[in-house]
PDB file of all heavy atoms in Angstrom:
ATOM      1  N   LEU A   1     -71.069  72.988 152.467  1.00  0.00           N
ATOM      2  CA  LEU A   1     -70.758  71.885 153.368  1.00  0.00           C
ATOM      3  C   LEU A   1     -71.079  70.570 152.673  1.00  0.00           C
ATOM      4  O   LEU A   1     -72.204  70.344 152.256  1.00  0.00           O
ATOM      5  CB  LEU A   1     -71.577  71.985 154.661  1.00  0.00           C
ATOM      6  CG  LEU A   1     -71.119  73.009 155.700  1.00  0.00           C
ATOM      7  CD1 LEU A   1     -72.088  73.018 156.873  1.00  0.00           C
ATOM      8  CD2 LEU A   1     -69.711  72.706 156.191  1.00  0.00           C
ATOM      9  N   PHE A   2     -70.093  69.717 152.534  1.00  0.00           N
ATOM     10  CA  PHE A   2     -70.288  68.421 151.895  1.00  0.00           C
ATOM     11  C   PHE A   2     -70.422  67.358 152.982  1.00  0.00           C
ATOM     12  O   PHE A   2     -69.564  66.496 153.158  1.00  0.00           O
ATOM     13  CB  PHE A   2     -69.115  68.109 150.964  1.00  0.00           C
ATOM     14  CG  PHE A   2     -68.915  69.159 149.909  1.00  0.00           C
ATOM     15  CD1 PHE A   2     -67.859  70.040 149.986  1.00  0.00           C
ATOM     16  CD2 PHE A   2     -69.795  69.269 148.853  1.00  0.00           C
ATOM     17  CE1 PHE A   2     -67.664  71.018 149.025  1.00  0.00           C
ATOM     18  CE2 PHE A   2     -69.613  70.247 147.875  1.00  0.00           C
ATOM     19  CZ  PHE A   2     -68.559  71.119 147.960  1.00  0.00           C
ATOM     20  N   ILE A   3     -71.504  67.448 153.725  1.00  0.00           N
ATOM     21  CA  ILE A   3     -71.720  66.519 154.824  1.00  0.00           C
ATOM     22  C   ILE A   3     -73.078  65.863 154.670  1.00  0.00           C
ATOM     23  O   ILE A   3     -73.980  66.377 153.994  1.00  0.00           O
ATOM     24  CB  ILE A   3     -71.641  67.229 156.201  1.00  0.00           C
ATOM     25  CG1 ILE A   3     -72.702  68.325 156.303  1.00  0.00           C
ATOM     26  CG2 ILE A   3     -70.265  67.790 156.437  1.00  0.00           C
ATOM     27  CD1 ILE A   3     -72.734  69.014 157.647  1.00  0.00           C
ATOM     28  N   GLY A   4     -73.217  64.696 155.279  1.00  0.00           N
ATOM     29  CA  GLY A   4     -74.508  64.005 155.288  1.00  0.00           C
ATOM     30  C   GLY A   4     -74.936  63.588 153.901  1.00  0.00           C
ATOM     31  O   GLY A   4     -74.137  63.164 153.072  1.00  0.00           O
ATOM     32  N   ASP A   5     -76.247  63.710 153.630  1.00  0.00           N
ATOM     33  CA  ASP A   5     -76.825  63.259 152.370  1.00  0.00           C
ATOM     34  C   ASP A   5     -77.120  64.422 151.435  1.00  0.00           C
ATOM     35  O   ASP A   5     -78.098  64.406 150.686  1.00  0.00           O
ATOM     36  CB  ASP A   5     -78.122  62.473 152.646  1.00  0.00           C
ATOM     37  CG  ASP A   5     -77.862  61.246 153.501  1.00  0.00           C
ATOM     38  OD1 ASP A   5     -76.814  60.609 153.299  1.00  0.00           O
ATOM     39  OD2 ASP A   5     -78.699  60.933 154.365  1.00  0.00           O
ATOM     40  N   ALA A   6     -76.300  65.457 151.459  1.00  0.00           N
ATOM     41  CA  ALA A   6     -76.523  66.614 150.598  1.00  0.00           C
ATOM     42  C   ALA A   6     -76.445  66.216 149.127  1.00  0.00           C
ATOM     43  O   ALA A   6     -75.680  65.330 148.739  1.00  0.00           O
ATOM     44  CB  ALA A   6     -75.490  67.692 150.909  1.00  0.00           C
ATOM     45  N   SER A   7     -77.267  66.880 148.304  1.00  0.00           N
ATOM     46  CA  SER A   7     -77.245  66.602 146.874  1.00  0.00           C
ATOM     47  C   SER A   7     -76.084  67.325 146.206  1.00  0.00           C
ATOM     48  O   SER A   7     -75.461  68.220 146.772  1.00  0.00           O
ATOM     49  CB  SER A   7     -78.563  67.037 146.223  1.00  0.00           C
ATOM     50  OG  SER A   7     -78.686  68.446 146.290  1.00  0.00           O
ATOM     51  N   ASN A   8     -75.811  66.940 144.959  1.00  0.00           N
ATOM     52  CA  ASN A   8     -74.773  67.561 144.139  1.00  0.00           C
ATOM     53  C   ASN A   8     -73.390  67.419 144.768  1.00  0.00           C
ATOM     54  O   ASN A   8     -72.588  68.350 144.771  1.00  0.00           O
ATOM     55  CB  ASN A   8     -75.087  69.037 143.884  1.00  0.00           C
ATOM     56  CG  ASN A   8     -74.294  69.608 142.721  1.00  0.00           C
ATOM     57  OD1 ASN A   8     -73.947  68.882 141.796  1.00  0.00           O
ATOM     58  ND2 ASN A   8     -74.012  70.885 142.750  1.00  0.00           N
ATOM     59  N   VAL A   9     -73.110  66.250 145.325  1.00  0.00           N
ATOM     60  CA  VAL A   9     -71.827  65.991 145.966  1.00  0.00           C
ATOM     61  C   VAL A   9     -71.085  64.904 145.204  1.00  0.00           C
ATOM     62  O   VAL A   9     -71.655  63.880 144.834  1.00  0.00           O
ATOM     63  CB  VAL A   9     -72.021  65.564 147.439  1.00  0.00           C
ATOM     64  CG1 VAL A   9     -70.683  65.186 148.064  1.00  0.00           C
ATOM     65  CG2 VAL A   9     -72.666  66.686 148.228  1.00  0.00           C
ATOM     66  N   ALA A  10     -69.799  65.141 144.959  1.00  0.00           N
ATOM     67  CA  ALA A  10     -68.954  64.160 144.281  1.00  0.00           C
ATOM     68  C   ALA A  10     -67.663  63.981 145.070  1.00  0.00           C
ATOM     69  O   ALA A  10     -67.132  64.943 145.634  1.00  0.00           O
ATOM     70  CB  ALA A  10     -68.633  64.611 142.859  1.00  0.00           C
ATOM     71  N   ASN A  11     -67.161  62.750 145.114  1.00  0.00           N
ATOM     72  CA  ASN A  11     -65.838  62.460 145.674  1.00  0.00           C
ATOM     73  C   ASN A  11     -64.818  62.521 144.545  1.00  0.00           C
ATOM     74  O   ASN A  11     -64.960  61.832 143.535  1.00  0.00           O
ATOM     75  CB  ASN A  11     -65.820  61.081 146.320  1.00  0.00           C
ATOM     76  CG  ASN A  11     -66.762  60.989 147.497  1.00  0.00           C
ATOM     77  OD1 ASN A  11     -66.739  61.830 148.382  1.00  0.00           O
ATOM     78  ND2 ASN A  11     -67.612  59.978 147.503  1.00  0.00           N
ATOM     79  N   LEU A  12     -63.796  63.337 144.724  1.00  0.00           N
ATOM     80  CA  LEU A  12     -62.816  63.567 143.667  1.00  0.00           C
ATOM     81  C   LEU A  12     -61.435  63.109 144.137  1.00  0.00           C
ATOM     82  O   LEU A  12     -61.016  63.428 145.255  1.00  0.00           O
ATOM     83  CB  LEU A  12     -62.791  65.048 143.301  1.00  0.00           C
ATOM     84  CG  LEU A  12     -61.899  65.486 142.144  1.00  0.00           C
ATOM     85  CD1 LEU A  12     -62.503  66.716 141.451  1.00  0.00           C
ATOM     86  CD2 LEU A  12     -60.488  65.833 142.609  1.00  0.00           C
ATOM     87  N   TYR A  13     -60.745  62.385 143.262  1.00  0.00           N
ATOM     88  CA  TYR A  13     -59.397  61.894 143.557  1.00  0.00           C
ATOM     89  C   TYR A  13     -58.504  62.216 142.357  1.00  0.00           C
ATOM     90  O   TYR A  13     -58.871  61.958 141.210  1.00  0.00           O
ATOM     91  CB  TYR A  13     -59.400  60.385 143.804  1.00  0.00           C
ATOM     92  CG  TYR A  13     -60.437  59.942 144.810  1.00  0.00           C
ATOM     93  CD1 TYR A  13     -61.681  59.482 144.382  1.00  0.00           C
ATOM     94  CD2 TYR A  13     -60.189  59.994 146.173  1.00  0.00           C
ATOM     95  CE1 TYR A  13     -62.648  59.082 145.294  1.00  0.00           C
ATOM     96  CE2 TYR A  13     -61.146  59.596 147.095  1.00  0.00           C
ATOM     97  CZ  TYR A  13     -62.375  59.147 146.643  1.00  0.00           C
ATOM     98  OH  TYR A  13     -63.335  58.759 147.542  1.00  0.00           O
ATOM     99  N   SER A  14     -57.333  62.774 142.627  1.00  0.00           N
ATOM    100  CA  SER A  14     -56.413  63.110 141.548  1.00  0.00           C
ATOM    101  C   SER A  14     -54.980  62.922 142.020  1.00  0.00           C
ATOM    102  O   SER A  14     -54.650  63.223 143.176  1.00  0.00           O
ATOM    103  CB  SER A  14     -56.627  64.561 141.098  1.00  0.00           C
ATOM    104  OG  SER A  14     -55.836  64.867 139.962  1.00  0.00           O
ATOM    105  N   VAL A  15     -54.116  62.432 141.131  1.00  0.00           N
ATOM    106  CA  VAL A  15     -52.712  62.202 141.470  1.00  0.00           C
ATOM    107  C   VAL A  15     -51.863  62.485 140.238  1.00  0.00           C
ATOM    108  O   VAL A  15     -52.300  62.283 139.092  1.00  0.00           O
ATOM    109  CB  VAL A  15     -52.492  60.755 141.963  1.00  0.00           C
ATOM    110  CG1 VAL A  15     -52.850  59.751 140.886  1.00  0.00           C
ATOM    111  CG2 VAL A  15     -51.069  60.540 142.443  1.00  0.00           C
ATOM    112  N   TYR A  16     -50.666  63.003 140.447  1.00  0.00           N
ATOM    113  CA  TYR A  16     -49.717  63.178 139.351  1.00  0.00           C
ATOM    114  C   TYR A  16     -48.321  62.862 139.861  1.00  0.00           C
ATOM    115  O   TYR A  16     -48.026  62.964 141.064  1.00  0.00           O
ATOM    116  CB  TYR A  16     -49.760  64.602 138.780  1.00  0.00           C
ATOM    117  CG  TYR A  16     -48.755  65.533 139.413  1.00  0.00           C
ATOM    118  CD1 TYR A  16     -47.488  65.712 138.859  1.00  0.00           C
ATOM    119  CD2 TYR A  16     -49.060  66.220 140.581  1.00  0.00           C
ATOM    120  CE1 TYR A  16     -46.556  66.544 139.453  1.00  0.00           C
ATOM    121  CE2 TYR A  16     -48.130  67.060 141.181  1.00  0.00           C
ATOM    122  CZ  TYR A  16     -46.882  67.211 140.608  1.00  0.00           C
ATOM    123  OH  TYR A  16     -45.953  68.026 141.202  1.00  0.00           O
ATOM    124  N   ALA A  17     -47.429  62.478 138.956  1.00  0.00           N
ATOM    125  CA  ALA A  17     -46.036  62.201 139.313  1.00  0.00           C
ATOM    126  C   ALA A  17     -45.189  62.225 138.044  1.00  0.00           C
ATOM    127  O   ALA A  17     -45.682  61.974 136.942  1.00  0.00           O
ATOM    128  CB  ALA A  17     -45.901  60.840 140.005  1.00  0.00           C
ATOM    129  N   GLY A  18     -43.897  62.528 138.230  1.00  0.00           N
ATOM    130  CA  GLY A  18     -42.985  62.510 137.098  1.00  0.00           C
ATOM    131  C   GLY A  18     -41.670  63.180 137.409  1.00  0.00           C
ATOM    132  O   GLY A  18     -41.539  63.913 138.400  1.00  0.00           O
ATOM    133  N   PRO A  19     -40.646  62.957 136.574  1.00  0.00           N
ATOM    134  CA  PRO A  19     -39.330  63.578 136.772  1.00  0.00           C
ATOM    135  C   PRO A  19     -39.233  64.928 136.075  1.00  0.00           C
ATOM    136  O   PRO A  19     -39.889  65.173 135.056  1.00  0.00           O
ATOM    137  CB  PRO A  19     -38.384  62.562 136.129  1.00  0.00           C
ATOM    138  CG  PRO A  19     -39.194  61.979 135.007  1.00  0.00           C
ATOM    139  CD  PRO A  19     -40.626  61.950 135.492  1.00  0.00           C
ATOM    140  N   THR A  20     -38.399  65.808 136.611  1.00  0.00           N
ATOM    141  CA  THR A  20     -38.043  67.059 135.951  1.00  0.00           C
ATOM    142  C   THR A  20     -36.527  67.218 136.003  1.00  0.00           C
ATOM    143  O   THR A  20     -35.885  66.786 136.965  1.00  0.00           O
ATOM    144  CB  THR A  20     -38.708  68.274 136.622  1.00  0.00           C
ATOM    145  OG1 THR A  20     -38.264  68.364 137.986  1.00  0.00           O
ATOM    146  CG2 THR A  20     -40.217  68.169 136.580  1.00  0.00           C
ATOM    147  N   PHE A  21     -35.978  67.841 134.984  1.00  0.00           N
ATOM    148  CA  PHE A  21     -34.530  68.039 134.903  1.00  0.00           C
ATOM    149  C   PHE A  21     -34.254  69.465 134.456  1.00  0.00           C
ATOM    150  O   PHE A  21     -34.845  69.948 133.482  1.00  0.00           O
ATOM    151  CB  PHE A  21     -33.903  67.057 133.912  1.00  0.00           C
ATOM    152  CG  PHE A  21     -32.421  67.238 133.736  1.00  0.00           C
ATOM    153  CD1 PHE A  21     -31.533  66.763 134.693  1.00  0.00           C
ATOM    154  CD2 PHE A  21     -31.908  67.894 132.630  1.00  0.00           C
ATOM    155  CE1 PHE A  21     -30.162  66.936 134.549  1.00  0.00           C
ATOM    156  CE2 PHE A  21     -30.540  68.063 132.464  1.00  0.00           C
ATOM    157  CZ  PHE A  21     -29.662  67.581 133.430  1.00  0.00           C
ATOM    158  N   ALA A  22     -33.372  70.159 135.158  1.00  0.00           N
ATOM    159  CA  ALA A  22     -32.954  71.509 134.785  1.00  0.00           C
ATOM    160  C   ALA A  22     -31.515  71.695 135.240  1.00  0.00           C
ATOM    161  O   ALA A  22     -31.226  71.652 136.444  1.00  0.00           O
ATOM    162  CB  ALA A  22     -33.858  72.560 135.415  1.00  0.00           C
ATOM    163  N   ARG A  23     -30.608  71.909 134.269  1.00  0.00           N
ATOM    164  CA  ARG A  23     -29.193  72.033 134.620  1.00  0.00           C
ATOM    165  C   ARG A  23     -28.449  72.792 133.528  1.00  0.00           C
ATOM    166  O   ARG A  23     -28.772  72.689 132.339  1.00  0.00           O
ATOM    167  CB  ARG A  23     -28.573  70.649 134.827  1.00  0.00           C
ATOM    168  CG  ARG A  23     -27.166  70.699 135.381  1.00  0.00           C
ATOM    169  CD  ARG A  23     -26.657  69.329 135.754  1.00  0.00           C
ATOM    170  NE  ARG A  23     -25.263  69.367 136.144  1.00  0.00           N
ATOM    171  CZ  ARG A  23     -24.539  68.310 136.461  1.00  0.00           C
ATOM    172  NH1 ARG A  23     -25.120  67.107 136.432  1.00  0.00           N
ATOM    173  NH2 ARG A  23     -23.272  68.431 136.809  1.00  0.00           N
ATOM    174  N   ARG A  24     -27.416  73.514 133.954  1.00  0.00           N
ATOM    175  CA  ARG A  24     -26.551  74.240 133.027  1.00  0.00           C
ATOM    176  C   ARG A  24     -25.307  73.407 132.786  1.00  0.00           C
ATOM    177  O   ARG A  24     -24.577  73.063 133.734  1.00  0.00           O
ATOM    178  CB  ARG A  24     -26.189  75.597 133.625  1.00  0.00           C
ATOM    179  CG  ARG A  24     -25.346  76.481 132.724  1.00  0.00           C
ATOM    180  CD  ARG A  24     -25.240  77.876 133.342  1.00  0.00           C
ATOM    181  NE  ARG A  24     -24.313  78.727 132.619  1.00  0.00           N
ATOM    182  CZ  ARG A  24     -24.624  79.426 131.537  1.00  0.00           C
ATOM    183  NH1 ARG A  24     -25.858  79.354 131.056  1.00  0.00           N
ATOM    184  NH2 ARG A  24     -23.733  80.192 130.946  1.00  0.00           N
ATOM    185  N   ILE A  25     -25.057  73.069 131.531  1.00  0.00           N
ATOM    186  CA  ILE A  25     -23.923  72.223 131.150  1.00  0.00           C
ATOM    187  C   ILE A  25     -23.198  72.873 129.974  1.00  0.00           C
ATOM    188  O   ILE A  25     -23.804  73.097 128.914  1.00  0.00           O
ATOM    189  CB  ILE A  25     -24.379  70.805 130.760  1.00  0.00           C
ATOM    190  CG1 ILE A  25     -25.178  70.161 131.907  1.00  0.00           C
ATOM    191  CG2 ILE A  25     -23.184  69.941 130.392  1.00  0.00           C
ATOM    192  CD1 ILE A  25     -25.771  68.818 131.540  1.00  0.00           C
ATOM    193  N   GLY A  26     -21.904  73.169 130.169  1.00  0.00           N
ATOM    194  CA  GLY A  26     -21.094  73.701 129.080  1.00  0.00           C
ATOM    195  C   GLY A  26     -21.628  74.987 128.487  1.00  0.00           C
ATOM    196  O   GLY A  26     -21.558  75.191 127.272  1.00  0.00           O
ATOM    197  N   GLY A  27     -22.184  75.862 129.334  1.00  0.00           N
ATOM    198  CA  GLY A  27     -22.691  77.138 128.849  1.00  0.00           C
ATOM    199  C   GLY A  27     -24.097  77.088 128.297  1.00  0.00           C
ATOM    200  O   GLY A  27     -24.624  78.118 127.868  1.00  0.00           O
ATOM    201  N   LEU A  28     -24.714  75.901 128.285  1.00  0.00           N
ATOM    202  CA  LEU A  28     -26.080  75.752 127.785  1.00  0.00           C
ATOM    203  C   LEU A  28     -27.005  75.322 128.919  1.00  0.00           C
ATOM    204  O   LEU A  28     -26.601  74.603 129.832  1.00  0.00           O
ATOM    205  CB  LEU A  28     -26.129  74.716 126.658  1.00  0.00           C
ATOM    206  CG  LEU A  28     -25.369  75.055 125.377  1.00  0.00           C
ATOM    207  CD1 LEU A  28     -25.448  73.888 124.396  1.00  0.00           C
ATOM    208  CD2 LEU A  28     -25.909  76.331 124.739  1.00  0.00           C
ATOM    209  N   ASP A  29     -28.245  75.758 128.841  1.00  0.00           N
ATOM    210  CA  ASP A  29     -29.260  75.388 129.834  1.00  0.00           C
ATOM    211  C   ASP A  29     -30.158  74.303 129.258  1.00  0.00           C
ATOM    212  O   ASP A  29     -30.834  74.526 128.242  1.00  0.00           O
ATOM    213  CB  ASP A  29     -30.095  76.609 130.221  1.00  0.00           C
ATOM    214  CG  ASP A  29     -29.289  77.644 130.977  1.00  0.00           C
ATOM    215  OD1 ASP A  29     -29.020  77.418 132.163  1.00  0.00           O
ATOM    216  OD2 ASP A  29     -28.922  78.673 130.366  1.00  0.00           O
ATOM    217  N   PHE A  30     -30.131  73.139 129.917  1.00  0.00           N
ATOM    218  CA  PHE A  30     -30.944  72.011 129.490  1.00  0.00           C
ATOM    219  C   PHE A  30     -32.136  71.858 130.439  1.00  0.00           C
ATOM    220  O   PHE A  30     -32.007  72.017 131.658  1.00  0.00           O
ATOM    221  CB  PHE A  30     -30.129  70.710 129.510  1.00  0.00           C
ATOM    222  CG  PHE A  30     -29.043  70.647 128.485  1.00  0.00           C
ATOM    223  CD1 PHE A  30     -27.785  71.193 128.747  1.00  0.00           C
ATOM    224  CD2 PHE A  30     -29.264  70.047 127.249  1.00  0.00           C
ATOM    225  CE1 PHE A  30     -26.778  71.132 127.815  1.00  0.00           C
ATOM    226  CE2 PHE A  30     -28.252  69.988 126.295  1.00  0.00           C
ATOM    227  CZ  PHE A  30     -27.012  70.535 126.586  1.00  0.00           C
ATOM    228  N   GLY A  31     -33.273  71.508 129.883  1.00  0.00           N
ATOM    229  CA  GLY A  31     -34.447  71.239 130.705  1.00  0.00           C
ATOM    230  C   GLY A  31     -35.315  70.176 130.055  1.00  0.00           C
ATOM    231  O   GLY A  31     -35.390  70.086 128.830  1.00  0.00           O
ATOM    232  N   ALA A  32     -35.956  69.353 130.864  1.00  0.00           N
ATOM    233  CA  ALA A  32     -36.850  68.314 130.345  1.00  0.00           C
ATOM    234  C   ALA A  32     -37.735  67.842 131.477  1.00  0.00           C
ATOM    235  O   ALA A  32     -37.441  68.050 132.666  1.00  0.00           O
ATOM    236  CB  ALA A  32     -36.061  67.145 129.760  1.00  0.00           C
ATOM    237  N   GLY A  33     -38.809  67.188 131.131  1.00  0.00           N
ATOM    238  CA  GLY A  33     -39.692  66.656 132.157  1.00  0.00           C
ATOM    239  C   GLY A  33     -40.793  65.802 131.573  1.00  0.00           C
ATOM    240  O   GLY A  33     -41.072  65.831 130.362  1.00  0.00           O
ATOM    241  N   TYR A  34     -41.414  65.040 132.447  1.00  0.00           N
ATOM    242  CA  TYR A  34     -42.565  64.208 132.089  1.00  0.00           C
ATOM    243  C   TYR A  34     -43.505  64.179 133.286  1.00  0.00           C
ATOM    244  O   TYR A  34     -43.057  64.158 134.445  1.00  0.00           O
ATOM    245  CB  TYR A  34     -42.136  62.786 131.733  1.00  0.00           C
ATOM    246  CG  TYR A  34     -43.310  61.817 131.667  1.00  0.00           C
ATOM    247  CD1 TYR A  34     -44.151  61.807 130.575  1.00  0.00           C
ATOM    248  CD2 TYR A  34     -43.570  60.952 132.723  1.00  0.00           C
ATOM    249  CE1 TYR A  34     -45.243  60.940 130.525  1.00  0.00           C
ATOM    250  CE2 TYR A  34     -44.648  60.079 132.683  1.00  0.00           C
ATOM    251  CZ  TYR A  34     -45.482  60.080 131.576  1.00  0.00           C
ATOM    252  OH  TYR A  34     -46.559  59.227 131.541  1.00  0.00           O
ATOM    253  N   ARG A  35     -44.803  64.180 133.009  1.00  0.00           N
ATOM    254  CA  ARG A  35     -45.791  64.145 134.074  1.00  0.00           C
ATOM    255  C   ARG A  35     -46.945  63.231 133.673  1.00  0.00           C
ATOM    256  O   ARG A  35     -47.499  63.362 132.570  1.00  0.00           O
ATOM    257  CB  ARG A  35     -46.327  65.549 134.338  1.00  0.00           C
ATOM    258  CG  ARG A  35     -47.265  65.649 135.538  1.00  0.00           C
ATOM    259  CD  ARG A  35     -47.635  67.097 135.803  1.00  0.00           C
ATOM    260  NE  ARG A  35     -48.593  67.609 134.840  1.00  0.00           N
ATOM    261  CZ  ARG A  35     -48.704  68.885 134.498  1.00  0.00           C
ATOM    262  NH1 ARG A  35     -47.889  69.766 135.021  1.00  0.00           N
ATOM    263  NH2 ARG A  35     -49.614  69.270 133.631  1.00  0.00           N
ATOM    264  N   PHE A  36     -47.289  62.300 134.569  1.00  0.00           N
ATOM    265  CA  PHE A  36     -48.463  61.449 134.384  1.00  0.00           C
ATOM    266  C   PHE A  36     -49.510  61.828 135.419  1.00  0.00           C
ATOM    267  O   PHE A  36     -49.195  62.013 136.599  1.00  0.00           O
ATOM    268  CB  PHE A  36     -48.111  59.970 134.547  1.00  0.00           C
ATOM    269  CG  PHE A  36     -49.329  59.080 134.630  1.00  0.00           C
ATOM    270  CD1 PHE A  36     -50.004  58.720 133.478  1.00  0.00           C
ATOM    271  CD2 PHE A  36     -49.805  58.634 135.854  1.00  0.00           C
ATOM    272  CE1 PHE A  36     -51.140  57.910 133.535  1.00  0.00           C
ATOM    273  CE2 PHE A  36     -50.922  57.832 135.940  1.00  0.00           C
ATOM    274  CZ  PHE A  36     -51.601  57.468 134.773  1.00  0.00           C
ATOM    275  N   GLY A  37     -50.753  61.947 134.979  1.00  0.00           N
ATOM    276  CA  GLY A  37     -51.817  62.304 135.900  1.00  0.00           C
ATOM    277  C   GLY A  37     -53.026  61.398 135.737  1.00  0.00           C
ATOM    278  O   GLY A  37     -53.318  60.906 134.636  1.00  0.00           O
ATOM    279  N   TYR A  38     -53.710  61.167 136.851  1.00  0.00           N
ATOM    280  CA  TYR A  38     -54.945  60.373 136.842  1.00  0.00           C
ATOM    281  C   TYR A  38     -55.966  61.043 137.741  1.00  0.00           C
ATOM    282  O   TYR A  38     -55.638  61.468 138.863  1.00  0.00           O
ATOM    283  CB  TYR A  38     -54.684  58.950 137.340  1.00  0.00           C
ATOM    284  CG  TYR A  38     -55.955  58.126 137.517  1.00  0.00           C
ATOM    285  CD1 TYR A  38     -56.627  57.614 136.423  1.00  0.00           C
ATOM    286  CD2 TYR A  38     -56.479  57.904 138.793  1.00  0.00           C
ATOM    287  CE1 TYR A  38     -57.794  56.861 136.569  1.00  0.00           C
ATOM    288  CE2 TYR A  38     -57.639  57.163 138.962  1.00  0.00           C
ATOM    289  CZ  TYR A  38     -58.292  56.646 137.845  1.00  0.00           C
ATOM    290  OH  TYR A  38     -59.456  55.919 138.004  1.00  0.00           O
ATOM    291  N   THR A  39     -57.206  61.150 137.264  1.00  0.00           N
ATOM    292  CA  THR A  39     -58.274  61.789 138.025  1.00  0.00           C
ATOM    293  C   THR A  39     -59.528  60.938 137.943  1.00  0.00           C
ATOM    294  O   THR A  39     -59.869  60.410 136.878  1.00  0.00           O
ATOM    295  CB  THR A  39     -58.568  63.198 137.475  1.00  0.00           C
ATOM    296  OG1 THR A  39     -57.391  63.998 137.569  1.00  0.00           O
ATOM    297  CG2 THR A  39     -59.683  63.864 138.260  1.00  0.00           C
ATOM    298  N   LYS A  40     -60.219  60.806 139.091  1.00  0.00           N
ATOM    299  CA  LYS A  40     -61.439  59.992 139.179  1.00  0.00           C
ATOM    300  C   LYS A  40     -62.478  60.723 140.013  1.00  0.00           C
ATOM    301  O   LYS A  40     -62.147  61.328 141.040  1.00  0.00           O
ATOM    302  CB  LYS A  40     -61.106  58.635 139.822  1.00  0.00           C
ATOM    303  CG  LYS A  40     -62.319  57.767 140.153  1.00  0.00           C
ATOM    304  CD  LYS A  40     -63.064  57.319 138.904  1.00  0.00           C
ATOM    305  CE  LYS A  40     -64.242  56.420 139.274  1.00  0.00           C
ATOM    306  NZ  LYS A  40     -65.033  56.026 138.080  1.00  0.00           N
ATOM    307  N   VAL A  41     -63.751  60.646 139.594  1.00  0.00           N
ATOM    308  CA  VAL A  41     -64.854  61.254 140.321  1.00  0.00           C
ATOM    309  C   VAL A  41     -65.921  60.203 140.575  1.00  0.00           C
ATOM    310  O   VAL A  41     -66.361  59.513 139.657  1.00  0.00           O
ATOM    311  CB  VAL A  41     -65.461  62.441 139.533  1.00  0.00           C
ATOM    312  CG1 VAL A  41     -66.763  62.904 140.190  1.00  0.00           C
ATOM    313  CG2 VAL A  41     -64.470  63.592 139.452  1.00  0.00           C
ATOM    314  N   ASP A  42     -66.329  60.060 141.845  1.00  0.00           N
ATOM    315  CA  ASP A  42     -67.449  59.211 142.245  1.00  0.00           C
ATOM    316  C   ASP A  42     -68.584  60.103 142.726  1.00  0.00           C
ATOM    317  O   ASP A  42     -68.344  61.062 143.467  1.00  0.00           O
ATOM    318  CB  ASP A  42     -67.058  58.241 143.362  1.00  0.00           C
ATOM    319  CG  ASP A  42     -66.139  57.132 142.875  1.00  0.00           C
ATOM    320  OD1 ASP A  42     -66.290  56.723 141.713  1.00  0.00           O
ATOM    321  OD2 ASP A  42     -65.279  56.700 143.651  1.00  0.00           O
ATOM    322  N   ILE A  43     -69.815  59.764 142.336  1.00  0.00           N
ATOM    323  CA  ILE A  43     -70.975  60.572 142.694  1.00  0.00           C
ATOM    324  C   ILE A  43     -71.631  60.030 143.957  1.00  0.00           C
ATOM    325  O   ILE A  43     -71.980  58.852 144.029  1.00  0.00           O
ATOM    326  CB  ILE A  43     -72.002  60.598 141.551  1.00  0.00           C
ATOM    327  CG1 ILE A  43     -71.351  61.088 140.262  1.00  0.00           C
ATOM    328  CG2 ILE A  43     -73.179  61.493 141.919  1.00  0.00           C
ATOM    329  CD1 ILE A  43     -70.802  62.472 140.328  1.00  0.00           C
ATOM    330  N   ASP A  44     -71.784  60.892 144.961  1.00  0.00           N
ATOM    331  CA  ASP A  44     -72.559  60.546 146.153  1.00  0.00           C
ATOM    332  C   ASP A  44     -74.046  60.754 145.898  1.00  0.00           C
ATOM    333  O   ASP A  44     -74.846  59.837 146.003  1.00  0.00           O
ATOM    334  CB  ASP A  44     -72.115  61.410 147.340  1.00  0.00           C
ATOM    335  CG  ASP A  44     -71.063  60.709 148.180  1.00  0.00           C
ATOM    336  OD1 ASP A  44     -70.605  59.638 147.755  1.00  0.00           O
ATOM    337  OD2 ASP A  44     -70.683  61.250 149.230  1.00  0.00           O
ATOM    338  N   GLN A  45     -74.404  62.006 145.578  1.00  0.00           N
ATOM    339  CA  GLN A  45     -75.785  62.367 145.292  1.00  0.00           C
ATOM    340  C   GLN A  45     -75.801  63.236 144.033  1.00  0.00           C
ATOM    341  O   GLN A  45     -75.191  64.300 144.009  1.00  0.00           O
ATOM    342  CB  GLN A  45     -76.396  63.145 146.458  1.00  0.00           C
ATOM    343  CG  GLN A  45     -76.603  62.330 147.717  1.00  0.00           C
ATOM    344  CD  GLN A  45     -77.756  61.342 147.567  1.00  0.00           C
ATOM    345  OE1 GLN A  45     -78.658  61.533 146.753  1.00  0.00           O
ATOM    346  NE2 GLN A  45     -77.723  60.279 148.351  1.00  0.00           N
ATOM    347  N   PRO A  46     -76.489  62.791 142.944  1.00  0.00           N
ATOM    348  CA  PRO A  46     -76.559  63.618 141.734  1.00  0.00           C
ATOM    349  C   PRO A  46     -77.200  64.964 142.021  1.00  0.00           C
ATOM    350  O   PRO A  46     -77.969  65.127 142.970  1.00  0.00           O
ATOM    351  CB  PRO A  46     -77.425  62.784 140.781  1.00  0.00           C
ATOM    352  CG  PRO A  46     -77.331  61.380 141.296  1.00  0.00           C
ATOM    353  CD  PRO A  46     -77.183  61.509 142.789  1.00  0.00           C
TER     354      PRO A  46
END
């Protein structure tokens, strides 16, 4: 339980986003993509 003033608690935030592409063109299968991610941790009680 991460409630109250418990020790060993961290607030964690993470986000990712990006495009992906997958398609069959002229008998060939093309695929590509990109992903950006960001993660942050704040400490409540060490």
